[in-house]
Amino acid sequence: MANRVGITGHRDLRNFDHARLTADIRRELSALAQEHAQRVMLSSLAAGADQLCAGIGLDLGYQLIVLLPFAGFRDGFTGDGLMKFDSLLNSAKQTIIVSTNQNADVAYLEAGKYVADHCDVLLAVWDGEAQTSQCGTQAVIEYAKKINRKVTIIKPDR
């Protein structure tokens, strides 16, 4: 049986220790990978934690399933961010458009819930600070816990 790891996390990682965060994510994904021969990662490929985890996951042999919040999600990327998004998207085994909702925040939350609903463990890159957003990392973590999903939080250092 496959081990399905869902990803959620901060979009802006600039204020965090990138080298340490990368090492922490690699260590956690490596540990999860050793438990199962088949590994699947569920990610929306949002900038920041989603893309960082997806890149590491692919390096470790995870199959990537991309869960886009809405059809035009790619349009929010430019420059290097767009190139990275396209590279990861092209490496995906499957791409699913989760929502047709015109409200981006609603679509983001639907994508986060979809990740939690379809994973065995939710890997969250979150500093633990309360968020005002109804569709952010904290909301996805709370939902995952509510449905009794295993949640592993990696707290990035500043």
N, C-alpha and C. Protein backbone atom coordinates (compact mmCIF):
# COMPACT_ATOMS: atom_id res chain seq x y z
N MET A 1 0.84 -1.18 0.00
CA MET A 1 0.00 0.00 0.00
C MET A 1 0.88 1.25 0.00
N ALA A 2 0.44 2.27 -0.70
CA ALA A 2 1.21 3.51 -0.81
C ALA A 2 1.08 4.34 0.46
N ASN A 3 2.13 5.06 0.76
CA ASN A 3 2.11 6.04 1.82
C ASN A 3 1.86 7.39 1.15
N ARG A 4 0.72 7.99 1.44
CA ARG A 4 0.34 9.26 0.81
C ARG A 4 0.60 10.41 1.79
N VAL A 5 1.55 11.27 1.41
CA VAL A 5 1.93 12.40 2.24
C VAL A 5 1.35 13.67 1.62
N GLY A 6 0.51 14.36 2.37
CA GLY A 6 -0.04 15.63 1.92
C GLY A 6 0.81 16.77 2.44
N ILE A 7 0.86 17.85 1.67
CA ILE A 7 1.70 18.99 2.02
C ILE A 7 0.85 20.24 2.20
N THR A 8 1.17 20.99 3.25
CA THR A 8 0.62 22.33 3.45
C THR A 8 1.71 23.15 4.11
N GLY A 9 1.66 24.45 3.92
CA GLY A 9 2.70 25.27 4.57
C GLY A 9 2.74 26.69 4.08
N HIS A 10 3.62 27.43 4.69
CA HIS A 10 3.80 28.85 4.36
C HIS A 10 4.21 29.03 2.90
N ARG A 11 3.68 30.08 2.31
CA ARG A 11 4.08 30.44 0.94
C ARG A 11 5.37 31.24 0.94
N ASP A 12 5.53 32.09 1.92
CA ASP A 12 6.70 32.97 1.98
C ASP A 12 7.69 32.40 3.00
N LEU A 13 8.79 31.88 2.50
CA LEU A 13 9.80 31.26 3.36
C LEU A 13 11.05 32.14 3.50
N ARG A 14 11.00 33.36 3.01
CA ARG A 14 12.19 34.22 2.98
C ARG A 14 12.77 34.50 4.37
N ASN A 15 11.95 34.57 5.40
CA ASN A 15 12.44 34.90 6.74
C ASN A 15 12.89 33.69 7.55
N PHE A 16 12.92 32.54 6.92
CA PHE A 16 13.29 31.31 7.62
C PHE A 16 14.66 30.83 7.14
N ASP A 17 15.32 30.02 7.96
CA ASP A 17 16.62 29.43 7.63
C ASP A 17 16.37 28.34 6.58
N HIS A 18 16.61 28.68 5.31
CA HIS A 18 16.27 27.80 4.20
C HIS A 18 17.04 26.47 4.25
N ALA A 19 18.33 26.54 4.55
CA ALA A 19 19.15 25.32 4.58
C ALA A 19 18.65 24.36 5.66
N ARG A 20 18.36 24.88 6.83
CA ARG A 20 17.88 24.03 7.92
C ARG A 20 16.49 23.48 7.62
N LEU A 21 15.62 24.33 7.07
CA LEU A 21 14.27 23.88 6.72
C LEU A 21 14.33 22.77 5.68
N THR A 22 15.16 22.95 4.68
CA THR A 22 15.31 21.93 3.64
C THR A 22 15.78 20.61 4.26
N ALA A 23 16.75 20.68 5.15
CA ALA A 23 17.27 19.47 5.81
C ALA A 23 16.19 18.82 6.67
N ASP A 24 15.41 19.62 7.38
CA ASP A 24 14.34 19.07 8.23
C ASP A 24 13.27 18.37 7.39
N ILE A 25 12.90 18.98 6.27
CA ILE A 25 11.90 18.38 5.38
C ILE A 25 12.45 17.08 4.79
N ARG A 26 13.69 17.12 4.31
CA ARG A 26 14.31 15.91 3.72
C ARG A 26 14.37 14.78 4.75
N ARG A 27 14.72 15.10 5.98
CA ARG A 27 14.80 14.07 7.02
C ARG A 27 13.42 13.46 7.28
N GLU A 28 12.40 14.29 7.38
CA GLU A 28 11.05 13.77 7.65
C GLU A 28 10.51 12.95 6.48
N LEU A 29 10.69 13.46 5.27
CA LEU A 29 10.22 12.71 4.10
C LEU A 29 10.99 11.41 3.91
N SER A 30 12.27 11.43 4.22
CA SER A 30 13.08 10.20 4.14
C SER A 30 12.58 9.16 5.14
N ALA A 31 12.27 9.60 6.35
CA ALA A 31 11.76 8.67 7.37
C ALA A 31 10.42 8.09 6.93
N LEU A 32 9.55 8.90 6.39
CA LEU A 32 8.26 8.41 5.91
C LEU A 32 8.43 7.47 4.72
N ALA A 33 9.42 7.75 3.88
CA ALA A 33 9.66 6.93 2.69
C ALA A 33 10.12 5.52 3.06
N GLN A 34 10.88 5.41 4.14
CA GLN A 34 11.40 4.10 4.53
C GLN A 34 10.32 3.16 5.02
N GLU A 35 9.19 3.71 5.37
CA GLU A 35 8.10 2.88 5.90
C GLU A 35 7.30 2.19 4.80
N HIS A 36 7.43 2.66 3.54
CA HIS A 36 6.61 2.13 2.45
C HIS A 36 7.41 2.10 1.15
N ALA A 37 7.19 1.06 0.36
CA ALA A 37 7.87 0.94 -0.93
C ALA A 37 7.33 1.96 -1.93
N GLN A 38 6.02 2.18 -1.90
CA GLN A 38 5.41 3.14 -2.82
C GLN A 38 5.07 4.41 -2.05
N ARG A 39 5.56 5.54 -2.57
CA ARG A 39 5.36 6.82 -1.88
C ARG A 39 4.70 7.81 -2.82
N VAL A 40 3.69 8.50 -2.31
CA VAL A 40 2.95 9.48 -3.10
C VAL A 40 2.89 10.78 -2.31
N MET A 41 3.11 11.88 -3.01
CA MET A 41 2.99 13.20 -2.39
C MET A 41 1.84 13.95 -3.05
N LEU A 42 0.99 14.55 -2.21
CA LEU A 42 -0.12 15.37 -2.67
C LEU A 42 0.21 16.82 -2.38
N SER A 43 0.22 17.66 -3.41
CA SER A 43 0.63 19.06 -3.24
C SER A 43 -0.09 19.93 -4.25
N SER A 44 -0.39 21.17 -3.84
CA SER A 44 -0.98 22.13 -4.78
C SER A 44 0.09 22.91 -5.53
N LEU A 45 1.34 22.72 -5.17
CA LEU A 45 2.48 23.42 -5.77
C LEU A 45 2.44 24.92 -5.56
N ALA A 46 1.81 25.36 -4.48
CA ALA A 46 1.87 26.77 -4.14
C ALA A 46 3.33 27.15 -3.91
N ALA A 47 3.65 28.42 -4.11
CA ALA A 47 5.00 28.89 -3.83
C ALA A 47 5.35 28.58 -2.38
N GLY A 48 6.62 28.44 -2.10
CA GLY A 48 7.06 28.23 -0.72
C GLY A 48 7.13 26.77 -0.35
N ALA A 49 6.49 26.41 0.76
CA ALA A 49 6.60 25.06 1.32
C ALA A 49 6.15 23.97 0.35
N ASP A 50 5.06 24.19 -0.36
CA ASP A 50 4.57 23.16 -1.29
C ASP A 50 5.62 22.82 -2.34
N GLN A 51 6.19 23.85 -2.94
CA GLN A 51 7.18 23.59 -3.99
C GLN A 51 8.47 23.03 -3.42
N LEU A 52 8.90 23.51 -2.27
CA LEU A 52 10.10 22.98 -1.63
C LEU A 52 9.93 21.49 -1.33
N CYS A 53 8.82 21.14 -0.72
CA CYS A 53 8.55 19.73 -0.38
C CYS A 53 8.43 18.87 -1.64
N ALA A 54 7.78 19.39 -2.67
CA ALA A 54 7.61 18.62 -3.91
C ALA A 54 8.96 18.31 -4.54
N GLY A 55 9.84 19.29 -4.58
CA GLY A 55 11.17 19.05 -5.14
C GLY A 55 11.95 18.00 -4.36
N ILE A 56 11.91 18.11 -3.05
CA ILE A 56 12.59 17.13 -2.20
C ILE A 56 11.95 15.75 -2.36
N GLY A 57 10.63 15.72 -2.37
CA GLY A 57 9.91 14.46 -2.53
C GLY A 57 10.27 13.76 -3.84
N LEU A 58 10.32 14.51 -4.92
CA LEU A 58 10.70 13.91 -6.20
C LEU A 58 12.11 13.34 -6.14
N ASP A 59 13.03 14.08 -5.49
CA ASP A 59 14.41 13.59 -5.31
C ASP A 59 14.45 12.27 -4.54
N LEU A 60 13.49 12.10 -3.62
CA LEU A 60 13.45 10.90 -2.79
C LEU A 60 12.60 9.77 -3.38
N GLY A 61 12.09 9.97 -4.59
CA GLY A 61 11.34 8.92 -5.25
C GLY A 61 9.84 8.93 -5.02
N TYR A 62 9.32 10.01 -4.49
CA TYR A 62 7.87 10.13 -4.33
C TYR A 62 7.24 10.38 -5.69
N GLN A 63 6.05 9.82 -5.90
CA GLN A 63 5.24 10.16 -7.06
C GLN A 63 4.45 11.41 -6.67
N LEU A 64 4.44 12.40 -7.53
CA LEU A 64 3.79 13.67 -7.24
C LEU A 64 2.41 13.72 -7.88
N ILE A 65 1.41 13.99 -7.05
CA ILE A 65 0.07 14.26 -7.54
C ILE A 65 -0.23 15.71 -7.20
N VAL A 66 -0.50 16.50 -8.22
CA VAL A 66 -0.73 17.93 -8.05
C VAL A 66 -2.23 18.20 -7.97
N LEU A 67 -2.62 18.91 -6.93
CA LEU A 67 -4.02 19.25 -6.69
C LEU A 67 -4.16 20.76 -6.83
N LEU A 68 -4.47 21.21 -8.03
CA LEU A 68 -4.59 22.64 -8.28
C LEU A 68 -5.89 23.17 -7.68
N PRO A 69 -5.83 24.28 -6.95
CA PRO A 69 -7.05 24.82 -6.35
C PRO A 69 -8.11 25.19 -7.39
N PHE A 70 -7.68 25.72 -8.54
CA PHE A 70 -8.60 26.10 -9.61
C PHE A 70 -7.84 26.11 -10.93
N ALA A 71 -8.57 26.14 -12.04
CA ALA A 71 -7.96 25.98 -13.36
C ALA A 71 -6.91 27.05 -13.67
N GLY A 72 -7.10 28.29 -13.26
CA GLY A 72 -6.17 29.36 -13.58
C GLY A 72 -5.08 29.57 -12.56
N PHE A 73 -4.84 28.61 -11.68
CA PHE A 73 -3.86 28.75 -10.60
C PHE A 73 -2.48 29.12 -11.13
N ARG A 74 -2.08 28.54 -12.25
CA ARG A 74 -0.76 28.78 -12.86
C ARG A 74 -0.58 30.26 -13.20
N ASP A 75 -1.65 30.96 -13.51
CA ASP A 75 -1.58 32.36 -13.92
C ASP A 75 -1.03 33.28 -12.82
N GLY A 76 -1.01 32.81 -11.58
CA GLY A 76 -0.50 33.60 -10.47
C GLY A 76 1.01 33.57 -10.33
N PHE A 77 1.69 32.84 -11.20
CA PHE A 77 3.15 32.71 -11.14
C PHE A 77 3.79 33.50 -12.29
N THR A 78 4.98 34.04 -12.01
CA THR A 78 5.74 34.75 -13.04
C THR A 78 7.22 34.41 -12.88
N GLY A 79 7.99 34.69 -13.91
CA GLY A 79 9.45 34.56 -13.86
C GLY A 79 9.94 33.20 -13.39
N ASP A 80 10.90 33.24 -12.46
CA ASP A 80 11.49 32.01 -11.93
C ASP A 80 10.44 31.14 -11.23
N GLY A 81 9.49 31.80 -10.56
CA GLY A 81 8.43 31.05 -9.88
C GLY A 81 7.60 30.24 -10.87
N LEU A 82 7.33 30.80 -12.04
CA LEU A 82 6.57 30.09 -13.07
C LEU A 82 7.39 28.93 -13.63
N MET A 83 8.69 29.17 -13.84
CA MET A 83 9.54 28.09 -14.35
C MET A 83 9.59 26.93 -13.37
N LYS A 84 9.70 27.24 -12.08
CA LYS A 84 9.75 26.19 -11.07
C LYS A 84 8.41 25.45 -11.01
N PHE A 85 7.31 26.20 -11.04
CA PHE A 85 5.98 25.60 -11.04
C PHE A 85 5.83 24.64 -12.22
N ASP A 86 6.17 25.12 -13.42
CA ASP A 86 6.03 24.28 -14.62
C ASP A 86 6.90 23.04 -14.56
N SER A 87 8.12 23.19 -14.05
CA SER A 87 9.02 22.04 -13.94
C SER A 87 8.44 20.98 -13.01
N LEU A 88 7.94 21.41 -11.86
CA LEU A 88 7.33 20.45 -10.93
C LEU A 88 6.05 19.85 -11.51
N LEU A 89 5.23 20.69 -12.13
CA LEU A 89 3.98 20.20 -12.72
C LEU A 89 4.27 19.16 -13.80
N ASN A 90 5.31 19.38 -14.59
CA ASN A 90 5.68 18.42 -15.64
C ASN A 90 6.20 17.11 -15.06
N SER A 91 6.63 17.11 -13.81
CA SER A 91 7.12 15.90 -13.15
C SER A 91 6.00 15.12 -12.45
N ALA A 92 4.81 15.69 -12.45
CA ALA A 92 3.69 15.07 -11.74
C ALA A 92 3.17 13.84 -12.46
N LYS A 93 2.78 12.87 -11.67
CA LYS A 93 2.15 11.66 -12.21
C LYS A 93 0.72 11.98 -12.64
N GLN A 94 0.08 12.88 -11.90
CA GLN A 94 -1.32 13.21 -12.16
C GLN A 94 -1.58 14.64 -11.68
N THR A 95 -2.49 15.33 -12.36
CA THR A 95 -2.91 16.66 -11.95
C THR A 95 -4.43 16.67 -11.86
N ILE A 96 -4.93 17.20 -10.75
CA ILE A 96 -6.38 17.29 -10.51
C ILE A 96 -6.72 18.73 -10.20
N ILE A 97 -7.73 19.27 -10.87
CA ILE A 97 -8.24 20.59 -10.53
C ILE A 97 -9.35 20.37 -9.52
N VAL A 98 -9.14 20.89 -8.30
CA VAL A 98 -10.00 20.56 -7.17
C VAL A 98 -11.31 21.34 -7.17
N SER A 99 -11.28 22.61 -7.52
CA SER A 99 -12.46 23.45 -7.35
C SER A 99 -12.79 24.24 -8.61
N THR A 100 -14.05 24.52 -8.77
CA THR A 100 -14.52 25.43 -9.83
C THR A 100 -15.00 26.74 -9.21
N ASN A 101 -14.82 26.89 -7.91
CA ASN A 101 -15.29 28.08 -7.21
C ASN A 101 -14.51 29.30 -7.70
N GLN A 102 -15.21 30.39 -7.94
CA GLN A 102 -14.60 31.63 -8.41
C GLN A 102 -13.90 32.41 -7.30
N ASN A 103 -14.23 32.11 -6.05
CA ASN A 103 -13.59 32.76 -4.90
C ASN A 103 -12.30 32.01 -4.60
N ALA A 104 -11.16 32.68 -4.79
CA ALA A 104 -9.87 32.01 -4.63
C ALA A 104 -9.69 31.45 -3.23
N ASP A 105 -10.08 32.19 -2.19
CA ASP A 105 -9.91 31.70 -0.82
C ASP A 105 -10.69 30.41 -0.59
N VAL A 106 -11.90 30.35 -1.12
CA VAL A 106 -12.71 29.13 -0.99
C VAL A 106 -12.03 27.98 -1.73
N ALA A 107 -11.52 28.26 -2.92
CA ALA A 107 -10.84 27.21 -3.70
C ALA A 107 -9.57 26.73 -2.99
N TYR A 108 -8.81 27.67 -2.38
CA TYR A 108 -7.61 27.28 -1.64
C TYR A 108 -7.96 26.36 -0.48
N LEU A 109 -9.02 26.69 0.25
CA LEU A 109 -9.43 25.86 1.38
C LEU A 109 -9.91 24.49 0.89
N GLU A 110 -10.66 24.47 -0.21
CA GLU A 110 -11.11 23.19 -0.77
C GLU A 110 -9.91 22.33 -1.16
N ALA A 111 -8.88 22.94 -1.74
CA ALA A 111 -7.68 22.18 -2.11
C ALA A 111 -6.98 21.65 -0.87
N GLY A 112 -6.87 22.48 0.17
CA GLY A 112 -6.24 22.03 1.41
C GLY A 112 -7.00 20.88 2.05
N LYS A 113 -8.32 20.97 2.04
CA LYS A 113 -9.14 19.88 2.59
C LYS A 113 -9.01 18.62 1.75
N TYR A 114 -8.92 18.78 0.43
CA TYR A 114 -8.76 17.63 -0.45
C TYR A 114 -7.45 16.90 -0.13
N VAL A 115 -6.39 17.68 0.07
CA VAL A 115 -5.10 17.10 0.45
C VAL A 115 -5.27 16.30 1.74
N ALA A 116 -5.88 16.91 2.76
CA ALA A 116 -6.06 16.24 4.05
C ALA A 116 -6.94 15.00 3.92
N ASP A 117 -7.98 15.09 3.12
CA ASP A 117 -8.90 13.97 2.95
C ASP A 117 -8.24 12.76 2.29
N HIS A 118 -7.24 13.00 1.46
CA HIS A 118 -6.67 11.93 0.65
C HIS A 118 -5.24 11.52 1.05
N CYS A 119 -4.75 12.03 2.17
CA CYS A 119 -3.40 11.64 2.59
C CYS A 119 -3.48 10.74 3.83
N ASP A 120 -2.36 10.07 4.08
CA ASP A 120 -2.23 9.28 5.31
C ASP A 120 -1.60 10.13 6.41
N VAL A 121 -0.73 11.02 6.00
CA VAL A 121 -0.10 11.95 6.95
C VAL A 121 0.00 13.31 6.28
N LEU A 122 -0.31 14.35 7.03
CA LEU A 122 -0.18 15.72 6.54
C LEU A 122 1.12 16.30 7.08
N LEU A 123 2.01 16.68 6.19
CA LEU A 123 3.26 17.32 6.57
C LEU A 123 3.05 18.83 6.41
N ALA A 124 3.14 19.54 7.53
CA ALA A 124 2.87 20.98 7.53
C ALA A 124 4.12 21.76 7.89
N VAL A 125 4.47 22.71 7.07
CA VAL A 125 5.57 23.63 7.36
C VAL A 125 4.90 24.89 7.91
N TRP A 126 4.98 25.03 9.24
CA TRP A 126 4.22 26.10 9.90
C TRP A 126 4.96 26.57 11.14
N ASP A 127 5.03 27.87 11.31
CA ASP A 127 5.74 28.43 12.45
C ASP A 127 4.92 28.44 13.73
N GLY A 128 3.68 28.03 13.68
CA GLY A 128 2.83 27.94 14.86
C GLY A 128 2.12 29.23 15.22
N GLU A 129 2.39 30.29 14.47
CA GLU A 129 1.74 31.57 14.75
C GLU A 129 0.32 31.57 14.19
N ALA A 130 -0.61 32.12 14.98
CA ALA A 130 -2.02 32.17 14.56
C ALA A 130 -2.15 32.92 13.24
N GLN A 131 -3.04 32.44 12.40
CA GLN A 131 -3.28 33.06 11.11
C GLN A 131 -4.70 33.61 11.06
N THR A 132 -4.88 34.70 10.36
CA THR A 132 -6.22 35.27 10.20
C THR A 132 -6.93 34.69 8.99
N SER A 133 -6.18 34.10 8.09
CA SER A 133 -6.75 33.53 6.87
C SER A 133 -7.61 32.31 7.19
N GLN A 134 -8.72 32.20 6.52
CA GLN A 134 -9.60 31.04 6.68
C GLN A 134 -9.21 29.89 5.76
N CYS A 135 -8.16 30.12 4.94
CA CYS A 135 -7.78 29.09 3.96
C CYS A 135 -6.31 28.74 4.05
N GLY A 136 -5.61 29.19 5.08
CA GLY A 136 -4.17 28.98 5.17
C GLY A 136 -3.78 27.68 5.85
N THR A 137 -2.51 27.60 6.15
CA THR A 137 -1.91 26.41 6.74
C THR A 137 -2.62 26.00 8.02
N GLN A 138 -2.86 26.94 8.90
CA GLN A 138 -3.51 26.63 10.18
C GLN A 138 -4.89 26.01 9.96
N ALA A 139 -5.66 26.54 9.02
CA ALA A 139 -7.00 26.01 8.74
C ALA A 139 -6.92 24.57 8.24
N VAL A 140 -5.92 24.27 7.42
CA VAL A 140 -5.77 22.91 6.88
C VAL A 140 -5.34 21.95 8.00
N ILE A 141 -4.44 22.40 8.86
CA ILE A 141 -4.01 21.57 9.99
C ILE A 141 -5.20 21.26 10.89
N GLU A 142 -5.97 22.27 11.23
CA GLU A 142 -7.15 22.07 12.10
C GLU A 142 -8.14 21.10 11.47
N TYR A 143 -8.36 21.23 10.17
CA TYR A 143 -9.27 20.32 9.48
C TYR A 143 -8.72 18.89 9.51
N ALA A 144 -7.44 18.73 9.24
CA ALA A 144 -6.83 17.40 9.24
C ALA A 144 -6.95 16.74 10.61
N LYS A 145 -6.73 17.51 11.66
CA LYS A 145 -6.87 16.95 13.00
C LYS A 145 -8.32 16.58 13.29
N LYS A 146 -9.23 17.38 12.80
CA LYS A 146 -10.67 17.12 13.01
C LYS A 146 -11.09 15.79 12.38
N ILE A 147 -10.47 15.43 11.26
CA ILE A 147 -10.82 14.16 10.60
C ILE A 147 -9.85 13.04 11.01
N ASN A 148 -9.11 13.29 12.09
CA ASN A 148 -8.20 12.29 12.66
C ASN A 148 -7.07 11.86 11.73
N ARG A 149 -6.57 12.81 10.96
CA ARG A 149 -5.43 12.54 10.11
C ARG A 149 -4.16 12.78 10.93
N LYS A 150 -3.15 11.97 10.72
CA LYS A 150 -1.87 12.20 11.37
C LYS A 150 -1.27 13.49 10.80
N VAL A 151 -0.82 14.37 11.68
CA VAL A 151 -0.24 15.65 11.27
C VAL A 151 1.18 15.76 11.85
N THR A 152 2.13 16.03 10.99
CA THR A 152 3.51 16.27 11.40
C THR A 152 3.84 17.72 11.03
N ILE A 153 4.21 18.50 12.04
CA ILE A 153 4.51 19.91 11.82
C ILE A 153 6.03 20.11 11.87
N ILE A 154 6.55 20.73 10.83
CA ILE A 154 7.93 21.16 10.81
C ILE A 154 7.91 22.66 11.04
N LYS A 155 8.49 23.06 12.15
CA LYS A 155 8.51 24.48 12.51
C LYS A 155 9.81 25.09 12.01
N PRO A 156 9.72 25.97 11.02
CA PRO A 156 10.96 26.55 10.49
C PRO A 156 11.59 27.54 11.45
N ASP A 157 12.93 27.56 11.45
CA ASP A 157 13.68 28.51 12.27
C ASP A 157 13.87 29.79 11.49
N ARG A 158 13.90 30.89 12.23
CA ARG A 158 14.14 32.20 11.60
C ARG A 158 15.62 32.49 11.57
